[in-house]
Structures are given as structure tokens and as C-alpha cells.
């Protein structure tokens, strides 16, 4: 009888452990799985291997440390050629036998910036690179499909899913307003802010200023968990635009680490002063790393 009583007492715990996910939990788990797969793709953040700011004029590049731009020597010929920046235009002059390709076409001389639509991506062995622009500066963003960051990636820890962190918010339009966003390089940009969201957490009124559009709101925010459990540089969150009554929902279960949590070669925005919350948001992705 004693064994039977113990088994009956344990039954609710066993049922709880093996209960099926609610539709909401299942949707969030699927969303998170896609998020992880996107990070691992060729266009994801885990394979970044370098960020090289260009000087006006010739920039030699290759695996040798005699170059201005030094690619990983284990995946690059010593000399690949020159990347030339001239008044906002960037071209590549490949060294003989460098085996640089655009798609399947060998490259000798090619302008790669400015471009229309997607960036012009060049490749050599496992390396891929293209031009990015930040203000009046230009850089080569380098990917390595054999990057150790990609090989060592073990997934992202998250807080337990909770519907308590799906918070109703009121949208307050701020037409014509701009907010100052500083990235980790110190560059400041003024970005359009279509409105702010007012909401309550633990009885405390909070506010977040959005960038993006009124159809899709984007937030870079800080909260009190950044000190210990979550990425020190804040997190990202998207929300749908407001309905006809001016309401929307913030689902903090979908708060994500910025790219800089995974690589030192990203140029992430930091939370503006308007988005530094006074509460702890114990939802979404936890700390992965600080670069």
C-alpha cells in the first residue's frame, strides 16, 4: 500500500513532465528552431571571420601578414590582390592565379560597390566577402564557411516560455521624431521613430521607442537582466504594428541576442536612452557571449 501511495503522489509530476506543448509553446519552439538555423546559414552571423575598414586607395589583401587586409592564412593564398576604394566606389584587382570567383566566374578586375539589390559576393576557398557601408566609411565583411564560431555553436539558452511575458502595449505615434542610435564602433545615426509603446511590467509603467515602420516595429532595448543573465549590450525585439484601437503585443519570449553576442565582427546598435527599462525581462534569449 505504501508503494502504491508513493506512485500515486508522483503521478501528477510525471504527467506534468510529459504533457504536450500548448499551441503557443509549440509555435515559439518552432520559431526558435528557425532562428537557430538562420544563424547557421551561409548568410547567418556565425561564420563572420573579419571586418576590415578600407583606406582610400589600394588595400592589399591575402593570407600573408604583409598585406593591409589579412585573411585567415589557413584558407587563403598569401597574396590575393588589391581592393581599391576611390571616392565611394570599390573594385577588386585580383593577383594572377589568385582563384577569386564571383559565383562560378573567375575575377580579374571587378567593381563590387556600389551594387543594386544584393551585395556582390566574392569567394576564395571557404572564404566569402563583400562591401558594407556605415555612414561615410566602407568595410569588407568576411565570412569563413569553416569558421570556429560556426563549428563550436551549441545553440542558445533561453528562459522558460511564459505567456506572462506576452504583454499588451499602447502605441503612441511620434511622427517626424528621430532617435539617436550608437553602434559598438561609436558611430551615431539618427533613425526615424514612428512611435513608442507604453506597457506595464510588475505594476511599473515602461516605455520603448520603436524604429522601423508602423507595420513592423523594431526595438533595441536594455533591462536589468543585462547585468548577469542576458547579453550586456541589450537585446532585439520586433512587434506587429498597432491595431485600429492603437494596441499591439510585445512578446518578450521572442527577445533575441544581437549579432555581436555571437561574433566580434558585427557592428551592432546599442539601446538608445529611451529604451533602458527599469525592470528585469526574464524572457527570451539568455547570454551567449560578449565580444
C-alpha atoms as a PDB file:
ATOM      1  CA  UNK A   1       0.000   0.000   0.000  1.00  0.00           C
ATOM      2  CA  UNK A   2       2.871   2.377   0.827  1.00  0.00           C
ATOM      3  CA  UNK A   3       4.445   1.846  -2.628  1.00  0.00           C
ATOM      4  CA  UNK A   4       1.101   2.410  -4.323  1.00  0.00           C
ATOM      5  CA  UNK A   5       0.570   5.669  -2.380  1.00  0.00           C
ATOM      6  CA  UNK A   6       4.030   6.938  -3.374  1.00  0.00           C
ATOM      7  CA  UNK A   7       3.334   6.113  -7.030  1.00  0.00           C
ATOM      8  CA  UNK A   8       0.013   7.965  -6.907  1.00  0.00           C
ATOM      9  CA  UNK A   9       1.702  11.017  -5.366  1.00  0.00           C
ATOM     10  CA  UNK A  10       4.332  11.015  -8.120  1.00  0.00           C
ATOM     11  CA  UNK A  11       1.805  10.633 -10.949  1.00  0.00           C
ATOM     12  CA  UNK A  12       0.927  14.360 -11.259  1.00  0.00           C
ATOM     13  CA  UNK A  13       4.626  15.220 -11.577  1.00  0.00           C
ATOM     14  CA  UNK A  14       5.097  12.575 -14.271  1.00  0.00           C
ATOM     15  CA  UNK A  15       2.083  13.846 -16.182  1.00  0.00           C
ATOM     16  CA  UNK A  16       3.432  17.395 -15.941  1.00  0.00           C
ATOM     17  CA  UNK A  17       6.820  16.288 -17.261  1.00  0.00           C
ATOM     18  CA  UNK A  18       5.302  14.545 -20.284  1.00  0.00           C
ATOM     19  CA  UNK A  19       2.472  16.962 -21.053  1.00  0.00           C
ATOM     20  CA  UNK A  20       2.091  18.102 -24.627  1.00  0.00           C
ATOM     21  CA  UNK A  21       3.104  21.636 -25.558  1.00  0.00           C
ATOM     22  CA  UNK A  22       0.321  24.171 -25.865  1.00  0.00           C
ATOM     23  CA  UNK A  23      -0.127  25.602 -29.391  1.00  0.00           C
ATOM     24  CA  UNK A  24       1.592  28.789 -28.186  1.00  0.00           C
ATOM     25  CA  UNK A  25       4.600  26.889 -26.815  1.00  0.00           C
ATOM     26  CA  UNK A  26       4.835  24.791 -29.968  1.00  0.00           C
ATOM     27  CA  UNK A  27       4.763  27.917 -32.157  1.00  0.00           C
ATOM     28  CA  UNK A  28       7.537  29.547 -30.116  1.00  0.00           C
ATOM     29  CA  UNK A  29       9.720  26.438 -30.211  1.00  0.00           C
ATOM     30  CA  UNK A  30       9.346  26.250 -33.997  1.00  0.00           C
ATOM     31  CA  UNK A  31      10.172  29.963 -34.230  1.00  0.00           C
ATOM     32  CA  UNK A  32      13.298  29.471 -32.099  1.00  0.00           C
ATOM     33  CA  UNK A  33      14.447  26.464 -34.149  1.00  0.00           C
ATOM     34  CA  UNK A  34      14.219  28.564 -37.317  1.00  0.00           C
ATOM     35  CA  UNK A  35      16.101  31.376 -35.594  1.00  0.00           C
ATOM     36  CA  UNK A  36      18.967  28.978 -34.793  1.00  0.00           C
ATOM     37  CA  UNK A  37      19.007  27.539 -38.322  1.00  0.00           C
ATOM     38  CA  UNK A  38      19.146  31.056 -39.796  1.00  0.00           C
ATOM     39  CA  UNK A  39      22.209  31.832 -37.664  1.00  0.00           C
ATOM     40  CA  UNK A  40      23.977  28.778 -39.121  1.00  0.00           C
ATOM     41  CA  UNK A  41      23.212  29.551 -42.774  1.00  0.00           C
ATOM     42  CA  UNK A  42      25.812  30.960 -45.164  1.00  0.00           C
ATOM     43  CA  UNK A  43      24.140  34.373 -44.768  1.00  0.00           C
ATOM     44  CA  UNK A  44      23.987  33.985 -40.971  1.00  0.00           C
ATOM     45  CA  UNK A  45      26.122  35.585 -38.276  1.00  0.00           C
ATOM     46  CA  UNK A  46      28.103  32.605 -37.007  1.00  0.00           C
ATOM     47  CA  UNK A  47      30.558  32.423 -39.902  1.00  0.00           C
ATOM     48  CA  UNK A  48      31.817  36.016 -39.766  1.00  0.00           C
ATOM     49  CA  UNK A  49      35.616  35.961 -39.799  1.00  0.00           C
ATOM     50  CA  UNK A  50      36.650  39.573 -40.233  1.00  0.00           C
ATOM     51  CA  UNK A  51      35.650  43.210 -40.615  1.00  0.00           C
ATOM     52  CA  UNK A  52      38.215  45.345 -42.437  1.00  0.00           C
ATOM     53  CA  UNK A  53      37.771  49.105 -42.838  1.00  0.00           C
ATOM     54  CA  UNK A  54      39.065  50.304 -46.188  1.00  0.00           C
ATOM     55  CA  UNK A  55      41.582  53.075 -46.705  1.00  0.00           C
ATOM     56  CA  UNK A  56      41.151  55.399 -49.654  1.00  0.00           C
ATOM     57  CA  UNK A  57      43.218  53.932 -52.481  1.00  0.00           C
ATOM     58  CA  UNK A  58      44.820  50.482 -52.640  1.00  0.00           C
ATOM     59  CA  UNK A  59      44.274  47.879 -49.905  1.00  0.00           C
ATOM     60  CA  UNK A  60      46.332  44.728 -50.483  1.00  0.00           C
ATOM     61  CA  UNK A  61      44.740  41.532 -49.182  1.00  0.00           C
ATOM     62  CA  UNK A  62      45.527  37.844 -48.689  1.00  0.00           C
ATOM     63  CA  UNK A  63      46.766  35.351 -46.096  1.00  0.00           C
ATOM     64  CA  UNK A  64      50.186  36.952 -45.579  1.00  0.00           C
ATOM     65  CA  UNK A  65      50.617  39.434 -42.744  1.00  0.00           C
ATOM     66  CA  UNK A  66      52.426  41.695 -45.215  1.00  0.00           C
ATOM     67  CA  UNK A  67      49.014  42.691 -46.582  1.00  0.00           C
ATOM     68  CA  UNK A  68      46.947  45.613 -45.335  1.00  0.00           C
ATOM     69  CA  UNK A  69      43.953  43.264 -45.060  1.00  0.00           C
ATOM     70  CA  UNK A  70      44.953  39.872 -43.663  1.00  0.00           C
ATOM     71  CA  UNK A  71      42.628  36.944 -44.363  1.00  0.00           C
ATOM     72  CA  UNK A  72      42.872  33.648 -42.389  1.00  0.00           C
ATOM     73  CA  UNK A  73      46.126  32.171 -43.705  1.00  0.00           C
ATOM     74  CA  UNK A  74      44.904  28.573 -43.463  1.00  0.00           C
ATOM     75  CA  UNK A  75      42.162  29.320 -46.017  1.00  0.00           C
ATOM     76  CA  UNK A  76      43.819  31.921 -48.217  1.00  0.00           C
ATOM     77  CA  UNK A  77      46.688  32.276 -50.636  1.00  0.00           C
ATOM     78  CA  UNK A  78      49.361  34.639 -49.370  1.00  0.00           C
ATOM     79  CA  UNK A  79      48.563  37.283 -51.981  1.00  0.00           C
ATOM     80  CA  UNK A  80      45.091  37.693 -53.462  1.00  0.00           C
ATOM     81  CA  UNK A  81      45.342  41.172 -54.939  1.00  0.00           C
ATOM     82  CA  UNK A  82      44.114  44.682 -54.168  1.00  0.00           C
ATOM     83  CA  UNK A  83      40.800  46.111 -53.003  1.00  0.00           C
ATOM     84  CA  UNK A  84      40.624  49.682 -54.259  1.00  0.00           C
ATOM     85  CA  UNK A  85      38.451  52.388 -52.671  1.00  0.00           C
ATOM     86  CA  UNK A  86      38.071  55.508 -54.778  1.00  0.00           C
ATOM     87  CA  UNK A  87      35.519  58.171 -53.857  1.00  0.00           C
ATOM     88  CA  UNK A  88      32.866  55.746 -52.614  1.00  0.00           C
ATOM     89  CA  UNK A  89      33.417  53.102 -55.284  1.00  0.00           C
ATOM     90  CA  UNK A  90      35.119  49.793 -54.506  1.00  0.00           C
ATOM     91  CA  UNK A  91      36.763  47.464 -57.003  1.00  0.00           C
ATOM     92  CA  UNK A  92      38.919  44.341 -56.808  1.00  0.00           C
ATOM     93  CA  UNK A  93      42.078  43.731 -58.795  1.00  0.00           C
ATOM     94  CA  UNK A  94      42.932  40.042 -58.464  1.00  0.00           C
ATOM     95  CA  UNK A  95      46.525  38.819 -58.450  1.00  0.00           C
ATOM     96  CA  UNK A  96      47.457  36.264 -61.146  1.00  0.00           C
ATOM     97  CA  UNK A  97      46.456  32.758 -60.062  1.00  0.00           C
ATOM     98  CA  UNK A  98      44.501  34.018 -57.037  1.00  0.00           C
ATOM     99  CA  UNK A  99      41.423  31.901 -57.817  1.00  0.00           C
ATOM    100  CA  UNK A 100      38.869  34.511 -56.792  1.00  0.00           C
ATOM    101  CA  UNK A 101      35.358  33.910 -58.105  1.00  0.00           C
ATOM    102  CA  UNK A 102      32.038  35.700 -58.368  1.00  0.00           C
ATOM    103  CA  UNK A 103      29.689  32.744 -58.469  1.00  0.00           C
ATOM    104  CA  UNK A 104      31.402  30.463 -60.988  1.00  0.00           C
ATOM    105  CA  UNK A 105      33.155  33.269 -62.893  1.00  0.00           C
ATOM    106  CA  UNK A 106      36.860  33.943 -62.278  1.00  0.00           C
ATOM    107  CA  UNK A 107      37.583  37.530 -61.253  1.00  0.00           C
ATOM    108  CA  UNK A 108      40.403  39.664 -62.629  1.00  0.00           C
ATOM    109  CA  UNK A 109      39.090  43.230 -62.302  1.00  0.00           C
ATOM    110  CA  UNK A 110      35.605  43.896 -60.944  1.00  0.00           C
ATOM    111  CA  UNK A 111      33.723  46.767 -59.317  1.00  0.00           C
ATOM    112  CA  UNK A 112      31.869  45.377 -56.298  1.00  0.00           C
ATOM    113  CA  UNK A 113      30.404  48.562 -54.786  1.00  0.00           C
ATOM    114  CA  UNK A 114      28.004  50.257 -55.173  1.00  0.00           C
ATOM    115  CA  UNK A 115      25.636  47.431 -56.052  1.00  0.00           C
ATOM    116  CA  UNK A 116      21.954  47.129 -56.874  1.00  0.00           C
ATOM    117  CA  UNK A 117      19.938  44.732 -54.726  1.00  0.00           C
ATOM    118  CA  UNK A 118      22.080  42.096 -53.028  1.00  0.00           C
ATOM    119  CA  UNK A 119      25.800  42.662 -52.373  1.00  0.00           C
ATOM    120  CA  UNK A 120      28.364  41.383 -54.853  1.00  0.00           C
ATOM    121  CA  UNK A 121      29.922  38.416 -53.030  1.00  0.00           C
ATOM    122  CA  UNK A 122      33.376  37.143 -53.958  1.00  0.00           C
ATOM    123  CA  UNK A 123      34.782  33.784 -52.898  1.00  0.00           C
ATOM    124  CA  UNK A 124      38.129  32.042 -52.481  1.00  0.00           C
ATOM    125  CA  UNK A 125      38.253  28.551 -50.959  1.00  0.00           C
ATOM    126  CA  UNK A 126      35.956  28.668 -47.876  1.00  0.00           C
ATOM    127  CA  UNK A 127      36.049  32.483 -47.701  1.00  0.00           C
ATOM    128  CA  UNK A 128      33.286  34.850 -48.832  1.00  0.00           C
ATOM    129  CA  UNK A 129      33.432  38.660 -48.732  1.00  0.00           C
ATOM    130  CA  UNK A 130      31.537  41.778 -49.734  1.00  0.00           C
ATOM    131  CA  UNK A 131      31.397  45.503 -49.014  1.00  0.00           C
ATOM    132  CA  UNK A 132      29.331  47.154 -46.280  1.00  0.00           C
ATOM    133  CA  UNK A 133      28.871  50.881 -45.772  1.00  0.00           C
ATOM    134  CA  UNK A 134      28.497  52.585 -42.399  1.00  0.00           C
ATOM    135  CA  UNK A 135      27.994  56.312 -42.793  1.00  0.00           C
ATOM    136  CA  UNK A 136      30.900  57.565 -44.897  1.00  0.00           C
ATOM    137  CA  UNK A 137      33.056  54.517 -44.136  1.00  0.00           C
ATOM    138  CA  UNK A 138      33.402  51.315 -46.143  1.00  0.00           C
ATOM    139  CA  UNK A 139      34.492  47.883 -44.973  1.00  0.00           C
ATOM    140  CA  UNK A 140      34.993  44.340 -46.191  1.00  0.00           C
ATOM    141  CA  UNK A 141      32.827  41.863 -44.302  1.00  0.00           C
ATOM    142  CA  UNK A 142      34.468  38.446 -44.424  1.00  0.00           C
ATOM    143  CA  UNK A 143      32.791  35.081 -43.923  1.00  0.00           C
ATOM    144  CA  UNK A 144      34.514  31.742 -43.442  1.00  0.00           C
ATOM    145  CA  UNK A 145      32.295  28.724 -44.048  1.00  0.00           C
ATOM    146  CA  UNK A 146      34.690  26.791 -41.795  1.00  0.00           C
ATOM    147  CA  UNK A 147      34.621  29.394 -39.014  1.00  0.00           C
ATOM    148  CA  UNK A 148      35.292  28.099 -35.473  1.00  0.00           C
ATOM    149  CA  UNK A 149      32.329  30.180 -34.246  1.00  0.00           C
ATOM    150  CA  UNK A 150      30.107  28.077 -36.509  1.00  0.00           C
ATOM    151  CA  UNK A 151      31.721  24.772 -35.592  1.00  0.00           C
ATOM    152  CA  UNK A 152      31.593  25.473 -31.849  1.00  0.00           C
ATOM    153  CA  UNK A 153      27.998  26.736 -31.792  1.00  0.00           C
ATOM    154  CA  UNK A 154      25.857  24.707 -29.374  1.00  0.00           C
ATOM    155  CA  UNK A 155      22.593  26.625 -29.524  1.00  0.00           C
ATOM    156  CA  UNK A 156      21.173  29.439 -27.399  1.00  0.00           C
ATOM    157  CA  UNK A 157      19.864  29.074 -23.870  1.00  0.00           C
ATOM    158  CA  UNK A 158      16.513  30.742 -23.190  1.00  0.00           C
ATOM    159  CA  UNK A 159      14.257  31.499 -20.269  1.00  0.00           C
ATOM    160  CA  UNK A 160      11.251  29.166 -19.885  1.00  0.00           C
ATOM    161  CA  UNK A 161       8.369  30.147 -22.146  1.00  0.00           C
ATOM    162  CA  UNK A 162       5.677  32.043 -20.272  1.00  0.00           C
ATOM    163  CA  UNK A 163       2.508  33.708 -21.512  1.00  0.00           C
ATOM    164  CA  UNK A 164       3.033  36.275 -18.737  1.00  0.00           C
ATOM    165  CA  UNK A 165       5.667  37.838 -20.988  1.00  0.00           C
ATOM    166  CA  UNK A 166       3.251  38.411 -23.829  1.00  0.00           C
ATOM    167  CA  UNK A 167       2.410  41.964 -22.816  1.00  0.00           C
ATOM    168  CA  UNK A 168      -0.291  44.231 -24.219  1.00  0.00           C
ATOM    169  CA  UNK A 169       1.006  47.681 -25.162  1.00  0.00           C
ATOM    170  CA  UNK A 170      -0.428  51.021 -26.274  1.00  0.00           C
ATOM    171  CA  UNK A 171       1.083  52.655 -29.348  1.00  0.00           C
ATOM    172  CA  UNK A 172       1.686  56.406 -29.144  1.00  0.00           C
ATOM    173  CA  UNK A 173       2.549  57.867 -32.577  1.00  0.00           C
ATOM    174  CA  UNK A 174       5.548  60.200 -32.798  1.00  0.00           C
ATOM    175  CA  UNK A 175       5.508  61.383 -36.436  1.00  0.00           C
ATOM    176  CA  UNK A 176       8.696  63.102 -37.533  1.00  0.00           C
ATOM    177  CA  UNK A 177      10.626  62.044 -34.425  1.00  0.00           C
ATOM    178  CA  UNK A 178      14.164  60.707 -34.676  1.00  0.00           C
ATOM    179  CA  UNK A 179      16.182  58.896 -32.025  1.00  0.00           C
ATOM    180  CA  UNK A 180      19.963  58.654 -31.732  1.00  0.00           C
ATOM    181  CA  UNK A 181      21.340  55.137 -32.129  1.00  0.00           C
ATOM    182  CA  UNK A 182      25.004  54.484 -31.327  1.00  0.00           C
ATOM    183  CA  UNK A 183      26.633  51.325 -32.651  1.00  0.00           C
ATOM    184  CA  UNK A 184      29.520  49.490 -30.999  1.00  0.00           C
ATOM    185  CA  UNK A 185      32.051  51.327 -33.179  1.00  0.00           C
ATOM    186  CA  UNK A 186      30.841  54.635 -31.702  1.00  0.00           C
ATOM    187  CA  UNK A 187      29.095  55.778 -34.874  1.00  0.00           C
ATOM    188  CA  UNK A 188      25.846  57.674 -34.154  1.00  0.00           C
ATOM    189  CA  UNK A 189      22.916  57.657 -36.557  1.00  0.00           C
ATOM    190  CA  UNK A 190      19.582  59.430 -36.354  1.00  0.00           C
ATOM    191  CA  UNK A 191      16.774  56.985 -37.107  1.00  0.00           C
ATOM    192  CA  UNK A 192      13.074  57.565 -37.682  1.00  0.00           C
ATOM    193  CA  UNK A 193      10.910  56.560 -34.728  1.00  0.00           C
ATOM    194  CA  UNK A 194       7.265  56.114 -35.763  1.00  0.00           C
ATOM    195  CA  UNK A 195       6.075  55.792 -32.162  1.00  0.00           C
ATOM    196  CA  UNK A 196       6.581  54.395 -28.707  1.00  0.00           C
ATOM    197  CA  UNK A 197       4.868  51.625 -26.791  1.00  0.00           C
ATOM    198  CA  UNK A 198       3.527  52.069 -23.271  1.00  0.00           C
ATOM    199  CA  UNK A 199       3.103  48.945 -21.152  1.00  0.00           C
ATOM    200  CA  UNK A 200       3.278  47.685 -17.581  1.00  0.00           C
ATOM    201  CA  UNK A 201       5.591  45.088 -16.023  1.00  0.00           C
ATOM    202  CA  UNK A 202       5.102  44.100 -12.374  1.00  0.00           C
ATOM    203  CA  UNK A 203       2.955  47.178 -11.842  1.00  0.00           C
ATOM    204  CA  UNK A 204       5.635  49.517 -13.204  1.00  0.00           C
ATOM    205  CA  UNK A 205       4.952  51.625 -16.285  1.00  0.00           C
ATOM    206  CA  UNK A 206       7.533  51.183 -19.041  1.00  0.00           C
ATOM    207  CA  UNK A 207       8.113  52.667 -22.480  1.00  0.00           C
ATOM    208  CA  UNK A 208      10.002  51.627 -25.623  1.00  0.00           C
ATOM    209  CA  UNK A 209      10.750  53.817 -28.640  1.00  0.00           C
ATOM    210  CA  UNK A 210      10.419  51.986 -31.944  1.00  0.00           C
ATOM    211  CA  UNK A 211      12.356  52.150 -35.163  1.00  0.00           C
ATOM    212  CA  UNK A 212      11.106  50.538 -38.348  1.00  0.00           C
ATOM    213  CA  UNK A 213       7.604  51.284 -39.623  1.00  0.00           C
ATOM    214  CA  UNK A 214       4.114  51.393 -38.138  1.00  0.00           C
ATOM    215  CA  UNK A 215       3.503  47.994 -39.764  1.00  0.00           C
ATOM    216  CA  UNK A 216       6.517  46.340 -38.143  1.00  0.00           C
ATOM    217  CA  UNK A 217       8.066  47.853 -35.021  1.00  0.00           C
ATOM    218  CA  UNK A 218      11.667  47.155 -34.038  1.00  0.00           C
ATOM    219  CA  UNK A 219      13.289  47.718 -30.647  1.00  0.00           C
ATOM    220  CA  UNK A 220      16.815  47.598 -29.284  1.00  0.00           C
ATOM    221  CA  UNK A 221      16.333  47.518 -25.523  1.00  0.00           C
ATOM    222  CA  UNK A 222      18.201  47.082 -22.265  1.00  0.00           C
ATOM    223  CA  UNK A 223      16.821  45.741 -18.997  1.00  0.00           C
ATOM    224  CA  UNK A 224      18.092  44.731 -15.583  1.00  0.00           C
ATOM    225  CA  UNK A 225      18.961  41.162 -16.656  1.00  0.00           C
ATOM    226  CA  UNK A 226      21.787  42.523 -18.850  1.00  0.00           C
ATOM    227  CA  UNK A 227      23.968  42.669 -15.745  1.00  0.00           C
ATOM    228  CA  UNK A 228      24.063  38.885 -15.323  1.00  0.00           C
ATOM    229  CA  UNK A 229      21.769  36.627 -17.350  1.00  0.00           C
ATOM    230  CA  UNK A 230      21.454  38.289 -20.755  1.00  0.00           C
ATOM    231  CA  UNK A 231      23.785  39.935 -23.247  1.00  0.00           C
ATOM    232  CA  UNK A 232      25.363  43.075 -21.802  1.00  0.00           C
ATOM    233  CA  UNK A 233      24.708  45.098 -24.945  1.00  0.00           C
ATOM    234  CA  UNK A 234      20.941  44.635 -24.816  1.00  0.00           C
ATOM    235  CA  UNK A 235      18.585  42.585 -26.968  1.00  0.00           C
ATOM    236  CA  UNK A 236      16.371  42.946 -30.029  1.00  0.00           C
ATOM    237  CA  UNK A 237      12.591  42.587 -30.259  1.00  0.00           C
ATOM    238  CA  UNK A 238      10.068  43.011 -33.065  1.00  0.00           C
ATOM    239  CA  UNK A 239       6.345  43.633 -32.683  1.00  0.00           C
ATOM    240  CA  UNK A 240       3.422  43.950 -35.084  1.00  0.00           C
ATOM    241  CA  UNK A 241       2.075  47.415 -35.771  1.00  0.00           C
ATOM    242  CA  UNK A 242      -0.907  48.682 -33.777  1.00  0.00           C
ATOM    243  CA  UNK A 243      -4.495  47.683 -34.471  1.00  0.00           C
ATOM    244  CA  UNK A 244      -7.339  50.141 -35.090  1.00  0.00           C
ATOM    245  CA  UNK A 245      -7.532  50.899 -31.348  1.00  0.00           C
ATOM    246  CA  UNK A 246      -3.799  51.605 -31.131  1.00  0.00           C
ATOM    247  CA  UNK A 247      -2.942  48.387 -29.301  1.00  0.00           C
ATOM    248  CA  UNK A 248      -0.325  45.734 -30.011  1.00  0.00           C
ATOM    249  CA  UNK A 249       1.540  42.972 -28.194  1.00  0.00           C
ATOM    250  CA  UNK A 250       5.146  42.711 -27.051  1.00  0.00           C
ATOM    251  CA  UNK A 251       6.164  39.059 -26.868  1.00  0.00           C
ATOM    252  CA  UNK A 252       9.349  39.126 -24.820  1.00  0.00           C
ATOM    253  CA  UNK A 253       9.679  35.357 -25.294  1.00  0.00           C
ATOM    254  CA  UNK A 254      10.996  36.389 -28.732  1.00  0.00           C
ATOM    255  CA  UNK A 255      13.682  38.755 -27.407  1.00  0.00           C
ATOM    256  CA  UNK A 256      16.915  37.866 -29.222  1.00  0.00           C
ATOM    257  CA  UNK A 257      20.626  38.423 -28.846  1.00  0.00           C
ATOM    258  CA  UNK A 258      22.135  40.905 -31.314  1.00  0.00           C
ATOM    259  CA  UNK A 259      24.754  39.587 -33.760  1.00  0.00           C
ATOM    260  CA  UNK A 260      27.549  40.932 -31.540  1.00  0.00           C
ATOM    261  CA  UNK A 261      26.721  38.242 -28.984  1.00  0.00           C
ATOM    262  CA  UNK A 262      27.995  35.653 -31.483  1.00  0.00           C
ATOM    263  CA  UNK A 263      30.888  37.385 -33.246  1.00  0.00           C
ATOM    264  CA  UNK A 264      33.312  40.276 -32.725  1.00  0.00           C
ATOM    265  CA  UNK A 265      32.924  41.207 -36.399  1.00  0.00           C
ATOM    266  CA  UNK A 266      29.431  42.735 -36.360  1.00  0.00           C
ATOM    267  CA  UNK A 267      28.538  46.428 -35.958  1.00  0.00           C
ATOM    268  CA  UNK A 268      25.518  46.242 -33.656  1.00  0.00           C
ATOM    269  CA  UNK A 269      23.356  49.123 -32.465  1.00  0.00           C
ATOM    270  CA  UNK A 270      23.193  49.656 -28.720  1.00  0.00           C
ATOM    271  CA  UNK A 271      19.995  50.525 -26.824  1.00  0.00           C
ATOM    272  CA  UNK A 272      19.076  54.223 -27.065  1.00  0.00           C
ATOM    273  CA  UNK A 273      18.491  56.097 -23.822  1.00  0.00           C
ATOM    274  CA  UNK A 274      14.729  55.864 -24.426  1.00  0.00           C
ATOM    275  CA  UNK A 275      14.854  52.049 -24.245  1.00  0.00           C
ATOM    276  CA  UNK A 276      16.606  51.334 -20.956  1.00  0.00           C
ATOM    277  CA  UNK A 277      13.979  49.541 -18.886  1.00  0.00           C
ATOM    278  CA  UNK A 278      13.980  49.677 -15.092  1.00  0.00           C
ATOM    279  CA  UNK A 279      12.685  46.109 -14.723  1.00  0.00           C
ATOM    280  CA  UNK A 280      14.061  42.620 -15.360  1.00  0.00           C
ATOM    281  CA  UNK A 281      12.733  40.943 -18.514  1.00  0.00           C
ATOM    282  CA  UNK A 282      13.187  37.267 -17.629  1.00  0.00           C
ATOM    283  CA  UNK A 283      12.107  36.031 -21.045  1.00  0.00           C
ATOM    284  CA  UNK A 284      13.693  35.304 -24.399  1.00  0.00           C
ATOM    285  CA  UNK A 285      17.310  34.501 -25.157  1.00  0.00           C
ATOM    286  CA  UNK A 286      19.948  34.428 -22.443  1.00  0.00           C
ATOM    287  CA  UNK A 287      23.588  35.492 -22.681  1.00  0.00           C
ATOM    288  CA  UNK A 288      25.619  33.652 -25.322  1.00  0.00           C
ATOM    289  CA  UNK A 289      28.810  35.678 -25.249  1.00  0.00           C
ATOM    290  CA  UNK A 290      30.213  39.201 -25.116  1.00  0.00           C
ATOM    291  CA  UNK A 291      32.529  40.269 -27.945  1.00  0.00           C
END
